[in-house]
Amino acid sequence: MIELNIDGASAGNPGPSGAGIFIKENGKITTFSLPLGTMDNHSAEFTACLKALEYCTGEKPDIVWLRSDSQAVIHAIEKRFVRHSEYKPILAAILEEIDKLDLFFCKWIPSKENKAADELARKAIHLN
C-alpha cells in the first residue's frame, strides 16, 4: 500500500506555485517538492494530486490511500466532477490515473495533519 499526502501552494493567486508530495510505502518515505510555475492555488492542488498519482501508477501498488487538505480536490475525485471548466482537463487526467489502480481511497484531512506535504509545497515555490 502507498500512502500519499499531497499539497499545492501558490504565492499569489495566481503566482509562483509548488506541489508537495509525501509518500509512505512499506515504512519507506519518499518526498517531492515540485515547482509548478505560475498558477492559482486550486490548479496547484490538482496538479500535486496528478503528479503524485502518476508516480504511484508507475510503482504498480495494490492500494493507494490519498490524503489532502484540499476539499476541492477530494470532492472532485469523489464526485468525478468539477464545476469550473478550467479544472476539467486535469481532473480527467487524475481520474485516468486512479482508474489504473486496483484499489484507491481518498480522504480530506485538516491542514494541521498535512504539515509535511505543506512544507514541501512551500519549498517548491522557491524552486521556481
Protein backbone atom coordinates (compact mmCIF):
# COMPACT_ATOMS: atom_id res chain seq x y z
CA MET A 1 0.00 0.00 0.00
CA ILE A 2 1.12 3.52 -0.80
CA GLU A 3 0.02 6.35 1.49
CA LEU A 4 0.10 9.80 -0.12
CA ASN A 5 -0.16 13.20 1.46
CA ILE A 6 -0.30 15.98 -1.10
CA ASP A 7 -0.47 19.76 -1.06
CA GLY A 8 -0.30 22.55 -3.58
CA ALA A 9 0.64 26.12 -2.74
CA SER A 10 0.81 29.45 -4.54
CA ALA A 11 2.47 32.70 -3.56
CA GLY A 12 -0.23 34.88 -5.05
CA ASN A 13 -3.35 33.85 -6.87
CA PRO A 14 -2.03 33.30 -9.49
CA GLY A 15 1.61 33.28 -8.57
CA PRO A 16 4.66 31.05 -8.29
CA SER A 17 3.39 27.64 -7.26
CA GLY A 18 4.62 24.32 -5.98
CA ALA A 19 3.50 20.79 -5.20
CA GLY A 20 4.43 18.86 -2.09
CA ILE A 21 4.18 15.08 -2.15
CA PHE A 22 4.86 12.92 0.90
CA ILE A 23 4.81 9.18 0.20
CA LYS A 24 4.97 6.32 2.67
CA GLU A 25 5.31 2.81 1.31
CA ASN A 26 6.25 -0.19 3.43
CA GLY A 27 7.89 2.07 6.02
CA LYS A 28 9.95 3.89 3.38
CA ILE A 29 9.37 7.64 2.98
CA THR A 30 9.82 9.47 -0.32
CA THR A 31 9.24 13.20 -0.75
CA PHE A 32 8.98 15.57 -3.68
CA SER A 33 8.98 19.37 -3.90
CA LEU A 34 7.94 20.19 -7.46
CA PRO A 35 7.98 23.76 -8.81
CA LEU A 36 4.90 24.32 -10.98
CA GLY A 37 5.46 27.74 -12.49
CA THR A 38 2.69 30.34 -12.24
CA MET A 39 -0.83 29.16 -11.46
CA ASP A 40 -3.65 29.63 -8.98
CA ASN A 41 -3.88 27.70 -5.73
CA HIS A 42 -6.58 25.25 -6.91
CA SER A 43 -4.55 24.42 -10.03
CA ALA A 44 -1.54 23.75 -7.79
CA GLU A 45 -3.63 21.41 -5.60
CA PHE A 46 -4.97 19.47 -8.60
CA THR A 47 -1.50 19.31 -10.19
CA ALA A 48 0.03 17.99 -6.95
CA CYS A 49 -2.59 15.24 -6.97
CA LEU A 50 -1.91 14.33 -10.59
CA LYS A 51 1.88 14.22 -10.11
CA ALA A 52 1.51 12.02 -7.02
CA LEU A 53 -0.80 9.60 -8.81
CA GLU A 54 1.49 9.43 -11.85
CA TYR A 55 4.28 8.39 -9.50
CA CYS A 56 2.07 5.77 -7.88
CA THR A 57 0.83 4.15 -11.08
CA GLY A 58 4.46 3.75 -12.10
CA GLU A 59 5.09 1.82 -8.87
CA LYS A 60 2.18 -0.60 -9.54
CA PRO A 61 0.77 -0.67 -5.99
CA ASP A 62 -2.21 -2.75 -4.89
CA ILE A 63 -3.70 0.05 -2.80
CA VAL A 64 -3.29 3.83 -2.81
CA TRP A 65 -4.59 5.99 0.00
CA LEU A 66 -4.53 9.70 -0.83
CA ARG A 67 -4.95 12.42 1.80
CA SER A 68 -5.25 16.13 1.08
CA ASP A 69 -6.36 19.26 2.89
CA SER A 70 -7.96 20.48 -0.36
CA GLN A 71 -11.70 19.95 -0.20
CA ALA A 72 -11.94 20.96 -3.86
CA VAL A 73 -9.66 18.10 -4.95
CA ILE A 74 -11.19 15.45 -2.71
CA HIS A 75 -14.78 16.38 -3.62
CA ALA A 76 -13.92 16.47 -7.34
CA ILE A 77 -12.40 12.98 -7.13
CA GLU A 78 -15.29 11.57 -5.10
CA LYS A 79 -17.92 13.05 -7.44
CA ARG A 80 -15.77 12.54 -10.56
CA PHE A 81 -16.88 16.05 -11.49
CA VAL A 82 -15.67 19.62 -11.19
CA ARG A 83 -17.82 22.64 -12.00
CA HIS A 84 -15.15 25.02 -13.27
CA SER A 85 -14.15 24.21 -16.84
CA GLU A 86 -10.52 25.20 -16.28
CA TYR A 87 -10.05 22.21 -13.92
CA LYS A 88 -11.88 19.62 -16.05
CA PRO A 89 -8.83 18.51 -18.10
CA ILE A 90 -6.66 17.94 -15.03
CA LEU A 91 -9.48 16.12 -13.22
CA ALA A 92 -9.86 13.87 -16.28
CA ALA A 93 -6.13 13.08 -16.10
CA ILE A 94 -6.39 12.39 -12.35
CA LEU A 95 -9.33 10.02 -12.86
CA GLU A 96 -7.44 8.26 -15.65
CA GLU A 97 -4.56 7.57 -13.23
CA ILE A 98 -6.97 6.43 -10.50
CA ASP A 99 -8.66 4.03 -12.90
CA LYS A 100 -5.29 2.29 -13.43
CA LEU A 101 -5.19 1.35 -9.74
CA ASP A 102 -6.69 -1.79 -8.20
CA LEU A 103 -7.91 -0.01 -5.08
CA PHE A 104 -7.98 3.72 -4.34
CA PHE A 105 -9.15 5.66 -1.31
CA CYS A 106 -9.08 9.40 -0.68
CA LYS A 107 -9.81 11.45 2.38
CA TRP A 108 -9.91 15.12 3.29
CA ILE A 109 -7.75 15.96 6.29
CA PRO A 110 -7.30 19.23 8.19
CA SER A 111 -4.24 21.33 7.35
CA LYS A 112 -2.66 20.56 10.73
CA GLU A 113 -2.47 16.88 9.69
CA ASN A 114 -0.83 17.73 6.37
CA LYS A 115 2.18 19.74 7.53
CA ALA A 116 4.83 17.59 5.82
CA ALA A 117 3.24 17.99 2.37
CA ASP A 118 2.59 21.68 3.03
CA GLU A 119 6.25 22.31 3.85
CA LEU A 120 7.31 20.50 0.68
CA ALA A 121 4.88 22.59 -1.42
CA ARG A 122 6.10 25.85 0.09
CA LYS A 123 9.70 24.80 -0.51
CA ALA A 124 8.80 24.09 -4.17
CA ILE A 125 7.52 27.66 -4.64
CA HIS A 126 11.06 28.92 -4.06
CA LEU A 127 12.46 26.46 -6.64
CA ASN A 128 10.61 28.24 -9.48
